[in-house]
Amino acid sequence: MNRGKVSLVSICISVAIVLGVFVQAKAQIITAQEFSGRATGINSVYTTNGQATNAVAGDTCPLPPRGGSSTVTTSGILIPGSLASGTIVSTTSGSGITSQSSSSVSDFFFGGGGFTVHADNVSTNTQCNCCDIANPGCSGSTSINGLSVTGPSGTIPIVVTGAPNQVVTLPNGAGTITFNERMTSTGNITVNGMHINITSGGTNYNVVVASSHSNIVCPGIIITSADVNISGRVKDSAGNGIGGANVSIINRQGQLVRTVTSGANGDYTLTSITSGQTYVVTATRKSWVFTPRTINLLDETTGFDIIGSLNN
């Protein structure tokens, strides 16, 4: 029987610190209540005269609420002469107390509205966890390598800073390119590596590259039932042990769970009591009166003394 230990299905070492207060309470996070995640390599919508055309590549589809994992690998031309990529790897998963997603797009190419955008690689990843149940933590990152952007007038110099939601406005009000685009809320994060939004000649080009989304709903603390012991002494107010006393433990339904007789020094141990419940512990002995004690039993308990006085 595993007694008084915390089991966390996670690699988060910090859980032991955050939840340290619950160690003696046999607290155990079994799994998050609900997971959500999705990773997509390229998601594009071209709209001309109100007619929209959608092209998607490397989409894991949404993660089921129960969790699991999904990985998609693909490559190729989405829209001839306008949208293509090399290898795309997208993955999403949820288990234990962690939800995570990632997407990587190599050799990305976009051409439209007089602009071209090329990147050797665009990658993102996101993660949400229940290391702190009351405040689920989420994080994400973006990496962009080998970026080049040209417009009708030539090369457009762009320095990707890595800052969240870096927006670059294109010449002549043609549109924007957003890098490390982020949307967050409690237990929820979406990171888009690059978001191209250009309007030209009656066509709007809306292209999201390397999108990762993670979401998690954390549980409460689950008290794991286990058999534990309660020990202490039966004694008088001066600390003198009272031997031969019958020590009893009663559950919340008023049922007698176990009884034991105190030793010569008043020592007693009630063994194999189910934790996670509330009990009343009391003692009886001829000519003595004892004050019952209530305990919310969560773990091995020592020093649980019962005080008595002579019934004069």
C-alpha atoms as a PDB file:
ATOM      1  CA  MET A   1       0.000   0.000   0.000  1.00  0.00           C
ATOM      2  CA  ASN A   2       1.405   3.379  -0.976  1.00  0.00           C
ATOM      3  CA  ARG A   3       1.003   5.662   2.005  1.00  0.00           C
ATOM      4  CA  GLY A   4       1.208   9.427   2.296  1.00  0.00           C
ATOM      5  CA  LYS A   5       2.789  10.130  -1.075  1.00  0.00           C
ATOM      6  CA  VAL A   6       1.896  12.406  -3.954  1.00  0.00           C
ATOM      7  CA  SER A   7       1.792  11.026  -7.491  1.00  0.00           C
ATOM      8  CA  LEU A   8       1.725  13.586 -10.316  1.00  0.00           C
ATOM      9  CA  VAL A   9       1.508  12.451 -13.939  1.00  0.00           C
ATOM     10  CA  SER A  10       3.832  15.145 -15.228  1.00  0.00           C
ATOM     11  CA  ILE A  11       7.449  16.087 -15.773  1.00  0.00           C
ATOM     12  CA  CYS A  12       6.837  19.384 -13.949  1.00  0.00           C
ATOM     13  CA  ILE A  13       9.179  19.329 -10.980  1.00  0.00           C
ATOM     14  CA  SER A  14       7.591  22.538  -9.745  1.00  0.00           C
ATOM     15  CA  VAL A  15       4.394  20.645  -8.968  1.00  0.00           C
ATOM     16  CA  ALA A  16       6.087  19.241  -5.904  1.00  0.00           C
ATOM     17  CA  ILE A  17       6.711  22.784  -4.693  1.00  0.00           C
ATOM     18  CA  VAL A  18       3.363  24.282  -5.653  1.00  0.00           C
ATOM     19  CA  LEU A  19       1.427  21.380  -4.197  1.00  0.00           C
ATOM     20  CA  GLY A  20       3.798  20.659  -1.340  1.00  0.00           C
ATOM     21  CA  VAL A  21       1.208  21.691   1.163  1.00  0.00           C
ATOM     22  CA  PHE A  22      -0.887  18.732   0.013  1.00  0.00           C
ATOM     23  CA  VAL A  23       1.788  16.072   0.430  1.00  0.00           C
ATOM     24  CA  GLN A  24       0.602  15.218   3.909  1.00  0.00           C
ATOM     25  CA  ALA A  25      -2.957  15.302   2.593  1.00  0.00           C
ATOM     26  CA  LYS A  26      -2.430  12.468   0.104  1.00  0.00           C
ATOM     27  CA  ALA A  27      -3.334  14.871  -2.694  1.00  0.00           C
ATOM     28  CA  GLN A  28      -3.041  13.429  -6.161  1.00  0.00           C
ATOM     29  CA  ILE A  29      -3.686  14.976  -9.549  1.00  0.00           C
ATOM     30  CA  ILE A  30      -4.745  12.099 -11.744  1.00  0.00           C
ATOM     31  CA  THR A  31      -5.364  14.031 -14.948  1.00  0.00           C
ATOM     32  CA  ALA A  32      -6.637  17.333 -16.217  1.00  0.00           C
ATOM     33  CA  GLN A  33     -10.390  17.593 -16.510  1.00  0.00           C
ATOM     34  CA  GLU A  34     -10.316  18.485 -20.189  1.00  0.00           C
ATOM     35  CA  PHE A  35      -7.805  19.012 -22.991  1.00  0.00           C
ATOM     36  CA  SER A  36      -7.902  21.012 -26.195  1.00  0.00           C
ATOM     37  CA  GLY A  37      -5.246  21.444 -28.829  1.00  0.00           C
ATOM     38  CA  ARG A  38      -4.615  21.853 -32.524  1.00  0.00           C
ATOM     39  CA  ALA A  39      -1.665  22.500 -34.796  1.00  0.00           C
ATOM     40  CA  THR A  40      -1.850  23.662 -38.407  1.00  0.00           C
ATOM     41  CA  GLY A  41       1.012  24.228 -40.837  1.00  0.00           C
ATOM     42  CA  ILE A  42      -0.759  26.568 -43.300  1.00  0.00           C
ATOM     43  CA  ASN A  43      -4.273  27.918 -43.155  1.00  0.00           C
ATOM     44  CA  SER A  44      -5.157  30.310 -45.989  1.00  0.00           C
ATOM     45  CA  VAL A  45      -8.290  32.070 -47.142  1.00  0.00           C
ATOM     46  CA  TYR A  46      -8.283  33.950 -50.475  1.00  0.00           C
ATOM     47  CA  THR A  47     -11.366  36.115 -50.918  1.00  0.00           C
ATOM     48  CA  THR A  48     -12.275  37.689 -54.285  1.00  0.00           C
ATOM     49  CA  ASN A  49     -15.556  39.542 -54.804  1.00  0.00           C
ATOM     50  CA  GLY A  50     -16.974  37.914 -51.707  1.00  0.00           C
ATOM     51  CA  GLN A  51     -16.043  34.389 -52.787  1.00  0.00           C
ATOM     52  CA  ALA A  52     -13.665  32.683 -50.371  1.00  0.00           C
ATOM     53  CA  THR A  53     -11.281  29.843 -51.181  1.00  0.00           C
ATOM     54  CA  ASN A  54      -9.679  27.991 -48.284  1.00  0.00           C
ATOM     55  CA  ALA A  55      -6.470  25.930 -48.495  1.00  0.00           C
ATOM     56  CA  VAL A  56      -5.118  24.078 -45.459  1.00  0.00           C
ATOM     57  CA  ALA A  57      -2.055  21.877 -44.990  1.00  0.00           C
ATOM     58  CA  GLY A  58      -0.646  20.036 -41.987  1.00  0.00           C
ATOM     59  CA  ASP A  59      -3.764  20.215 -39.821  1.00  0.00           C
ATOM     60  CA  THR A  60      -3.937  17.825 -36.851  1.00  0.00           C
ATOM     61  CA  CYS A  61      -7.642  18.620 -36.335  1.00  0.00           C
ATOM     62  CA  PRO A  62      -8.848  19.389 -32.796  1.00  0.00           C
ATOM     63  CA  LEU A  63      -7.688  17.257 -29.893  1.00  0.00           C
ATOM     64  CA  PRO A  64     -10.573  15.387 -28.204  1.00  0.00           C
ATOM     65  CA  PRO A  65     -11.500  16.652 -24.715  1.00  0.00           C
ATOM     66  CA  ARG A  66     -10.243  13.365 -23.249  1.00  0.00           C
ATOM     67  CA  GLY A  67      -6.769  14.031 -24.680  1.00  0.00           C
ATOM     68  CA  GLY A  68      -4.602  11.786 -26.824  1.00  0.00           C
ATOM     69  CA  SER A  69      -2.194  12.744 -29.606  1.00  0.00           C
ATOM     70  CA  SER A  70      -2.119  13.492 -33.325  1.00  0.00           C
ATOM     71  CA  THR A  71       0.754  14.114 -35.720  1.00  0.00           C
ATOM     72  CA  VAL A  72       0.566  15.147 -39.380  1.00  0.00           C
ATOM     73  CA  THR A  73       3.445  15.370 -41.858  1.00  0.00           C
ATOM     74  CA  THR A  74       2.958  16.756 -45.369  1.00  0.00           C
ATOM     75  CA  SER A  75       4.408  19.043 -48.043  1.00  0.00           C
ATOM     76  CA  GLY A  76       3.656  20.425 -51.472  1.00  0.00           C
ATOM     77  CA  ILE A  77       1.925  23.111 -53.488  1.00  0.00           C
ATOM     78  CA  LEU A  78      -1.372  24.378 -52.091  1.00  0.00           C
ATOM     79  CA  ILE A  79      -2.127  27.021 -54.721  1.00  0.00           C
ATOM     80  CA  PRO A  80       0.045  26.905 -57.885  1.00  0.00           C
ATOM     81  CA  GLY A  81       2.253  29.970 -58.181  1.00  0.00           C
ATOM     82  CA  SER A  82       0.894  31.438 -54.952  1.00  0.00           C
ATOM     83  CA  LEU A  83       1.262  29.155 -51.926  1.00  0.00           C
ATOM     84  CA  ALA A  84       3.601  26.242 -51.241  1.00  0.00           C
ATOM     85  CA  SER A  85       5.917  24.706 -48.684  1.00  0.00           C
ATOM     86  CA  GLY A  86       8.486  22.032 -48.037  1.00  0.00           C
ATOM     87  CA  THR A  87       7.952  19.642 -45.139  1.00  0.00           C
ATOM     88  CA  ILE A  88       5.264  20.492 -42.596  1.00  0.00           C
ATOM     89  CA  VAL A  89       5.167  18.668 -39.254  1.00  0.00           C
ATOM     90  CA  SER A  90       2.293  19.410 -36.892  1.00  0.00           C
ATOM     91  CA  THR A  91       1.569  17.670 -33.624  1.00  0.00           C
ATOM     92  CA  THR A  92      -0.793  18.059 -30.688  1.00  0.00           C
ATOM     93  CA  SER A  93      -1.230  16.012 -27.517  1.00  0.00           C
ATOM     94  CA  GLY A  94      -2.877  16.048 -24.124  1.00  0.00           C
ATOM     95  CA  SER A  95      -2.294  13.728 -21.189  1.00  0.00           C
ATOM     96  CA  GLY A  96      -1.728  13.871 -17.446  1.00  0.00           C
ATOM     97  CA  ILE A  97      -1.667  17.543 -16.581  1.00  0.00           C
ATOM     98  CA  THR A  98      -0.198  18.880 -19.836  1.00  0.00           C
ATOM     99  CA  SER A  99      -1.564  19.929 -23.218  1.00  0.00           C
ATOM    100  CA  GLN A 100       0.952  20.819 -25.933  1.00  0.00           C
ATOM    101  CA  SER A 101       1.107  21.548 -29.658  1.00  0.00           C
ATOM    102  CA  SER A 102       3.741  22.415 -32.238  1.00  0.00           C
ATOM    103  CA  SER A 103       3.984  23.150 -35.945  1.00  0.00           C
ATOM    104  CA  SER A 104       6.975  23.512 -38.218  1.00  0.00           C
ATOM    105  CA  VAL A 105       6.845  24.696 -41.845  1.00  0.00           C
ATOM    106  CA  SER A 106       9.976  24.552 -43.974  1.00  0.00           C
ATOM    107  CA  ASP A 107      10.647  26.360 -47.265  1.00  0.00           C
ATOM    108  CA  PHE A 108       7.465  28.427 -47.070  1.00  0.00           C
ATOM    109  CA  PHE A 109       6.471  30.481 -50.144  1.00  0.00           C
ATOM    110  CA  PHE A 110       3.678  32.987 -50.669  1.00  0.00           C
ATOM    111  CA  GLY A 111       3.072  35.155 -53.738  1.00  0.00           C
ATOM    112  CA  GLY A 112       0.099  37.471 -54.161  1.00  0.00           C
ATOM    113  CA  GLY A 113      -0.891  41.099 -54.677  1.00  0.00           C
ATOM    114  CA  GLY A 114       2.580  41.976 -55.941  1.00  0.00           C
ATOM    115  CA  PHE A 115       4.273  40.651 -52.781  1.00  0.00           C
ATOM    116  CA  THR A 116       6.302  37.529 -52.131  1.00  0.00           C
ATOM    117  CA  VAL A 117       7.193  36.083 -48.749  1.00  0.00           C
ATOM    118  CA  HIS A 118       9.695  33.286 -48.267  1.00  0.00           C
ATOM    119  CA  ALA A 119      11.031  31.669 -45.075  1.00  0.00           C
ATOM    120  CA  ASP A 120      13.398  28.748 -44.651  1.00  0.00           C
ATOM    121  CA  ASN A 121      11.463  27.702 -41.578  1.00  0.00           C
ATOM    122  CA  VAL A 122       8.603  28.951 -39.410  1.00  0.00           C
ATOM    123  CA  SER A 123       7.972  27.069 -36.168  1.00  0.00           C
ATOM    124  CA  THR A 124       5.778  27.512 -33.109  1.00  0.00           C
ATOM    125  CA  ASN A 125       4.964  25.551 -29.991  1.00  0.00           C
ATOM    126  CA  THR A 126       2.527  25.974 -27.140  1.00  0.00           C
ATOM    127  CA  GLN A 127       1.993  24.288 -23.793  1.00  0.00           C
ATOM    128  CA  CYS A 128      -0.528  24.555 -20.960  1.00  0.00           C
ATOM    129  CA  ASN A 129      -0.288  22.680 -17.673  1.00  0.00           C
ATOM    130  CA  CYS A 130      -1.892  22.244 -14.279  1.00  0.00           C
ATOM    131  CA  CYS A 131       1.281  22.637 -12.242  1.00  0.00           C
ATOM    132  CA  ASP A 132      -0.713  25.244 -10.310  1.00  0.00           C
ATOM    133  CA  ILE A 133      -4.294  24.002 -10.316  1.00  0.00           C
ATOM    134  CA  ALA A 134      -5.784  27.385  -9.421  1.00  0.00           C
ATOM    135  CA  ASN A 135      -3.791  29.144 -12.136  1.00  0.00           C
ATOM    136  CA  PRO A 136      -3.055  26.889 -15.131  1.00  0.00           C
ATOM    137  CA  GLY A 137       0.102  28.070 -16.844  1.00  0.00           C
ATOM    138  CA  CYS A 138       0.541  28.484 -20.590  1.00  0.00           C
ATOM    139  CA  SER A 139       3.580  29.374 -22.654  1.00  0.00           C
ATOM    140  CA  GLY A 140       4.543  29.526 -26.310  1.00  0.00           C
ATOM    141  CA  SER A 141       7.361  30.404 -28.665  1.00  0.00           C
ATOM    142  CA  THR A 142       8.014  31.259 -32.302  1.00  0.00           C
ATOM    143  CA  SER A 143      11.095  30.737 -34.466  1.00  0.00           C
ATOM    144  CA  ILE A 144      11.487  32.227 -37.959  1.00  0.00           C
ATOM    145  CA  ASN A 145      14.591  31.647 -40.064  1.00  0.00           C
ATOM    146  CA  GLY A 146      15.648  32.814 -43.523  1.00  0.00           C
ATOM    147  CA  LEU A 147      12.867  35.370 -43.984  1.00  0.00           C
ATOM    148  CA  SER A 148      12.703  37.489 -47.118  1.00  0.00           C
ATOM    149  CA  VAL A 149       9.869  39.788 -48.218  1.00  0.00           C
ATOM    150  CA  THR A 150       9.622  41.648 -51.514  1.00  0.00           C
ATOM    151  CA  GLY A 151       7.013  44.071 -52.815  1.00  0.00           C
ATOM    152  CA  PRO A 152       6.316  45.963 -56.033  1.00  0.00           C
ATOM    153  CA  SER A 153       9.258  48.267 -55.269  1.00  0.00           C
ATOM    154  CA  GLY A 154      11.728  45.574 -54.280  1.00  0.00           C
ATOM    155  CA  THR A 155      13.013  44.059 -51.062  1.00  0.00           C
ATOM    156  CA  ILE A 156      11.296  45.056 -47.830  1.00  0.00           C
ATOM    157  CA  PRO A 157      13.763  44.886 -44.908  1.00  0.00           C
ATOM    158  CA  ILE A 158      12.187  43.244 -41.877  1.00  0.00           C
ATOM    159  CA  VAL A 159      13.822  42.359 -38.583  1.00  0.00           C
ATOM    160  CA  VAL A 160      11.844  39.786 -36.620  1.00  0.00           C
ATOM    161  CA  THR A 161      12.284  40.829 -32.991  1.00  0.00           C
ATOM    162  CA  GLY A 162      10.649  37.853 -31.317  1.00  0.00           C
ATOM    163  CA  ALA A 163       8.288  40.131 -29.431  1.00  0.00           C
ATOM    164  CA  PRO A 164       4.672  38.964 -29.214  1.00  0.00           C
ATOM    165  CA  ASN A 165       2.351  40.398 -31.860  1.00  0.00           C
ATOM    166  CA  GLN A 166       5.001  42.212 -33.909  1.00  0.00           C
ATOM    167  CA  VAL A 167       3.088  43.902 -36.722  1.00  0.00           C
ATOM    168  CA  VAL A 168       4.859  45.079 -39.891  1.00  0.00           C
ATOM    169  CA  THR A 169       2.828  47.388 -42.129  1.00  0.00           C
ATOM    170  CA  LEU A 170       3.452  46.862 -45.830  1.00  0.00           C
ATOM    171  CA  PRO A 171       4.006  49.772 -48.282  1.00  0.00           C
ATOM    172  CA  ASN A 172       1.055  51.691 -49.738  1.00  0.00           C
ATOM    173  CA  GLY A 173      -1.341  50.316 -47.139  1.00  0.00           C
ATOM    174  CA  ALA A 174      -1.409  46.937 -48.829  1.00  0.00           C
ATOM    175  CA  GLY A 175      -1.733  45.109 -45.520  1.00  0.00           C
ATOM    176  CA  THR A 176       0.304  43.678 -42.691  1.00  0.00           C
ATOM    177  CA  ILE A 177       2.467  40.760 -41.667  1.00  0.00           C
ATOM    178  CA  THR A 178       2.265  39.818 -37.987  1.00  0.00           C
ATOM    179  CA  PHE A 179       4.987  37.727 -36.378  1.00  0.00           C
ATOM    180  CA  ASN A 180       4.612  35.703 -33.186  1.00  0.00           C
ATOM    181  CA  GLU A 181       0.895  36.484 -33.117  1.00  0.00           C
ATOM    182  CA  ARG A 182      -0.653  35.490 -29.779  1.00  0.00           C
ATOM    183  CA  MET A 183      -4.080  35.050 -28.254  1.00  0.00           C
ATOM    184  CA  THR A 184      -4.261  34.032 -24.592  1.00  0.00           C
ATOM    185  CA  SER A 185      -6.714  33.533 -21.765  1.00  0.00           C
ATOM    186  CA  THR A 186      -6.784  31.392 -18.620  1.00  0.00           C
ATOM    187  CA  GLY A 187      -5.532  27.920 -19.517  1.00  0.00           C
ATOM    188  CA  ASN A 188      -5.557  28.790 -23.215  1.00  0.00           C
ATOM    189  CA  ILE A 189      -2.973  29.963 -25.754  1.00  0.00           C
ATOM    190  CA  THR A 190      -2.687  30.192 -29.546  1.00  0.00           C
ATOM    191  CA  VAL A 191       0.541  31.203 -31.269  1.00  0.00           C
ATOM    192  CA  ASN A 192       0.760  31.889 -35.016  1.00  0.00           C
ATOM    193  CA  GLY A 193       4.306  32.092 -36.324  1.00  0.00           C
ATOM    194  CA  MET A 194       3.426  34.398 -39.207  1.00  0.00           C
ATOM    195  CA  HIS A 195       0.134  35.937 -40.325  1.00  0.00           C
ATOM    196  CA  ILE A 196      -0.002  37.545 -43.771  1.00  0.00           C
ATOM    197  CA  ASN A 197      -2.950  39.803 -44.525  1.00  0.00           C
ATOM    198  CA  ILE A 198      -2.765  41.575 -47.886  1.00  0.00           C
ATOM    199  CA  THR A 199      -5.478  43.144 -50.035  1.00  0.00           C
ATOM    200  CA  SER A 200      -4.757  43.952 -53.676  1.00  0.00           C
ATOM    201  CA  GLY A 201      -6.759  44.064 -56.895  1.00  0.00           C
ATOM    202  CA  GLY A 202      -9.989  43.086 -55.203  1.00  0.00           C
ATOM    203  CA  THR A 203      -8.483  40.017 -53.545  1.00  0.00           C
ATOM    204  CA  ASN A 204      -7.690  39.574 -49.866  1.00  0.00           C
ATOM    205  CA  TYR A 205      -4.920  37.118 -49.035  1.00  0.00           C
ATOM    206  CA  ASN A 206      -5.163  35.874 -45.448  1.00  0.00           C
ATOM    207  CA  VAL A 207      -2.504  33.286 -44.636  1.00  0.00           C
ATOM    208  CA  VAL A 208      -1.533  31.903 -41.221  1.00  0.00           C
ATOM    209  CA  VAL A 209       1.727  29.953 -41.061  1.00  0.00           C
ATOM    210  CA  ALA A 210       2.671  27.504 -38.261  1.00  0.00           C
ATOM    211  CA  SER A 211      -0.214  27.795 -35.827  1.00  0.00           C
ATOM    212  CA  SER A 212      -0.157  26.038 -32.440  1.00  0.00           C
ATOM    213  CA  HIS A 213      -3.020  25.993 -29.961  1.00  0.00           C
ATOM    214  CA  SER A 214      -3.198  24.490 -26.452  1.00  0.00           C
ATOM    215  CA  ASN A 215      -5.892  24.589 -23.812  1.00  0.00           C
ATOM    216  CA  ILE A 216      -6.406  22.818 -20.511  1.00  0.00           C
ATOM    217  CA  VAL A 217      -9.076  22.672 -17.819  1.00  0.00           C
ATOM    218  CA  CYS A 218      -7.550  21.707 -14.481  1.00  0.00           C
ATOM    219  CA  PRO A 219      -9.202  19.515 -11.857  1.00  0.00           C
ATOM    220  CA  GLY A 220      -9.589  20.081  -8.181  1.00  0.00           C
ATOM    221  CA  ILE A 221      -7.478  18.167  -5.707  1.00  0.00           C
ATOM    222  CA  ILE A 222      -8.515  14.544  -5.513  1.00  0.00           C
ATOM    223  CA  ILE A 223      -7.983  12.913  -2.138  1.00  0.00           C
ATOM    224  CA  THR A 224      -6.818   9.363  -2.712  1.00  0.00           C
ATOM    225  CA  SER A 225      -8.184   6.876  -0.209  1.00  0.00           C
ATOM    226  CA  ALA A 226      -5.623   4.675   1.513  1.00  0.00           C
ATOM    227  CA  ASP A 227      -5.276   2.776   4.764  1.00  0.00           C
ATOM    228  CA  VAL A 228      -3.354   4.733   7.395  1.00  0.00           C
ATOM    229  CA  ASN A 229      -2.740   4.553  11.147  1.00  0.00           C
ATOM    230  CA  ILE A 230      -3.601   6.879  14.016  1.00  0.00           C
ATOM    231  CA  SER A 231      -1.524   6.730  17.165  1.00  0.00           C
ATOM    232  CA  GLY A 232      -1.166   8.663  20.381  1.00  0.00           C
ATOM    233  CA  ARG A 233      -1.610   8.361  24.113  1.00  0.00           C
ATOM    234  CA  VAL A 234      -4.508   8.212  26.469  1.00  0.00           C
ATOM    235  CA  LYS A 235      -3.492  10.414  29.413  1.00  0.00           C
ATOM    236  CA  ASP A 236      -4.666  12.756  32.105  1.00  0.00           C
ATOM    237  CA  SER A 237      -4.219  16.516  32.086  1.00  0.00           C
ATOM    238  CA  ALA A 238      -0.856  16.124  33.836  1.00  0.00           C
ATOM    239  CA  GLY A 239       0.463  13.862  31.086  1.00  0.00           C
ATOM    240  CA  ASN A 240       0.262  10.593  33.022  1.00  0.00           C
ATOM    241  CA  GLY A 241      -0.590   7.624  30.801  1.00  0.00           C
ATOM    242  CA  ILE A 242      -3.875   5.825  31.328  1.00  0.00           C
ATOM    243  CA  GLY A 243      -3.551   2.133  30.522  1.00  0.00           C
ATOM    244  CA  GLY A 244      -6.399  -0.244  29.896  1.00  0.00           C
ATOM    245  CA  ALA A 245      -8.629   2.323  28.180  1.00  0.00           C
ATOM    246  CA  ASN A 246     -10.715   1.238  25.205  1.00  0.00           C
ATOM    247  CA  VAL A 247      -9.952   3.632  22.335  1.00  0.00           C
ATOM    248  CA  SER A 248     -12.592   3.710  19.597  1.00  0.00           C
ATOM    249  CA  ILE A 249     -12.849   5.384  16.212  1.00  0.00           C
ATOM    250  CA  ILE A 250     -16.290   6.132  14.741  1.00  0.00           C
ATOM    251  CA  ASN A 251     -17.056   7.265  11.193  1.00  0.00           C
ATOM    252  CA  ARG A 252     -19.399  10.064  10.159  1.00  0.00           C
ATOM    253  CA  GLN A 253     -22.275   7.597   9.885  1.00  0.00           C
ATOM    254  CA  GLY A 254     -21.868   6.783  13.582  1.00  0.00           C
ATOM    255  CA  GLN A 255     -20.468   3.314  12.879  1.00  0.00           C
ATOM    256  CA  LEU A 256     -17.710   1.837  15.002  1.00  0.00           C
ATOM    257  CA  VAL A 257     -14.689   1.313  12.738  1.00  0.00           C
ATOM    258  CA  ARG A 258     -12.120  -0.063  15.148  1.00  0.00           C
ATOM    259  CA  THR A 259     -11.274  -0.282  18.830  1.00  0.00           C
ATOM    260  CA  VAL A 260      -8.041  -0.983  20.700  1.00  0.00           C
ATOM    261  CA  THR A 261      -6.905  -1.056  24.340  1.00  0.00           C
ATOM    262  CA  SER A 262      -4.247   1.405  25.447  1.00  0.00           C
ATOM    263  CA  GLY A 263      -0.992   0.036  26.837  1.00  0.00           C
ATOM    264  CA  ALA A 264       0.438   0.530  30.297  1.00  0.00           C
ATOM    265  CA  ASN A 265       1.791   3.979  29.356  1.00  0.00           C
ATOM    266  CA  GLY A 266      -1.456   4.918  27.614  1.00  0.00           C
ATOM    267  CA  ASP A 267      -0.055   4.307  24.135  1.00  0.00           C
ATOM    268  CA  TYR A 268      -2.485   3.223  21.414  1.00  0.00           C
ATOM    269  CA  THR A 269      -2.516   2.672  17.649  1.00  0.00           C
ATOM    270  CA  LEU A 270      -5.596   2.381  15.468  1.00  0.00           C
ATOM    271  CA  THR A 271      -4.470   0.572  12.313  1.00  0.00           C
ATOM    272  CA  SER A 272      -5.713   0.444   8.708  1.00  0.00           C
ATOM    273  CA  ILE A 273      -8.140   3.344   8.860  1.00  0.00           C
ATOM    274  CA  THR A 274      -9.357   4.631   5.473  1.00  0.00           C
ATOM    275  CA  SER A 275      -8.110   8.156   4.830  1.00  0.00           C
ATOM    276  CA  GLY A 276     -10.077  10.986   3.257  1.00  0.00           C
ATOM    277  CA  GLN A 277     -12.883  10.835   5.827  1.00  0.00           C
ATOM    278  CA  THR A 278     -13.859  12.483   9.098  1.00  0.00           C
ATOM    279  CA  TYR A 279     -13.886  10.440  12.297  1.00  0.00           C
ATOM    280  CA  VAL A 280     -14.469  10.803  16.037  1.00  0.00           C
ATOM    281  CA  VAL A 281     -11.896   9.206  18.354  1.00  0.00           C
ATOM    282  CA  THR A 282     -12.756   8.649  21.992  1.00  0.00           C
ATOM    283  CA  ALA A 283     -11.882   6.401  24.922  1.00  0.00           C
ATOM    284  CA  THR A 284     -13.695   4.712  27.786  1.00  0.00           C
ATOM    285  CA  ARG A 285     -12.556   3.295  31.102  1.00  0.00           C
ATOM    286  CA  LYS A 286     -14.290   2.788  34.399  1.00  0.00           C
ATOM    287  CA  SER A 287     -14.090   5.864  36.638  1.00  0.00           C
ATOM    288  CA  TRP A 288     -12.727   8.056  33.809  1.00  0.00           C
ATOM    289  CA  VAL A 289     -14.334  10.621  31.523  1.00  0.00           C
ATOM    290  CA  PHE A 290     -12.697  11.379  28.167  1.00  0.00           C
ATOM    291  CA  THR A 291     -13.198  14.226  25.726  1.00  0.00           C
ATOM    292  CA  PRO A 292     -13.935  12.921  22.193  1.00  0.00           C
ATOM    293  CA  ARG A 293     -11.800  14.341  19.374  1.00  0.00           C
ATOM    294  CA  THR A 294     -12.733  14.839  15.726  1.00  0.00           C
ATOM    295  CA  ILE A 295     -10.185  14.277  12.969  1.00  0.00           C
ATOM    296  CA  ASN A 296     -10.308  14.819   9.213  1.00  0.00           C
ATOM    297  CA  LEU A 297      -7.988  11.928   8.453  1.00  0.00           C
ATOM    298  CA  LEU A 298      -5.735  12.613   5.479  1.00  0.00           C
ATOM    299  CA  ASP A 299      -2.527  10.756   6.276  1.00  0.00           C
ATOM    300  CA  GLU A 300      -0.552   8.857   8.870  1.00  0.00           C
ATOM    301  CA  THR A 301      -1.248  10.603  12.167  1.00  0.00           C
ATOM    302  CA  THR A 302       0.795  10.462  15.355  1.00  0.00           C
ATOM    303  CA  GLY A 303       0.519  12.285  18.664  1.00  0.00           C
ATOM    304  CA  PHE A 304      -3.280  12.198  18.570  1.00  0.00           C
ATOM    305  CA  ASP A 305      -3.742  12.152  22.338  1.00  0.00           C
ATOM    306  CA  ILE A 306      -6.963  11.547  24.239  1.00  0.00           C
ATOM    307  CA  ILE A 307      -7.299  13.440  27.517  1.00  0.00           C
ATOM    308  CA  GLY A 308      -9.286  12.061  30.430  1.00  0.00           C
ATOM    309  CA  SER A 309     -10.166  12.990  33.975  1.00  0.00           C
ATOM    310  CA  LEU A 310     -11.312  10.978  36.956  1.00  0.00           C
ATOM    311  CA  ASN A 311     -15.070  10.915  37.403  1.00  0.00           C
ATOM    312  CA  ASN A 312     -15.316  11.904  41.052  1.00  0.00           C
END
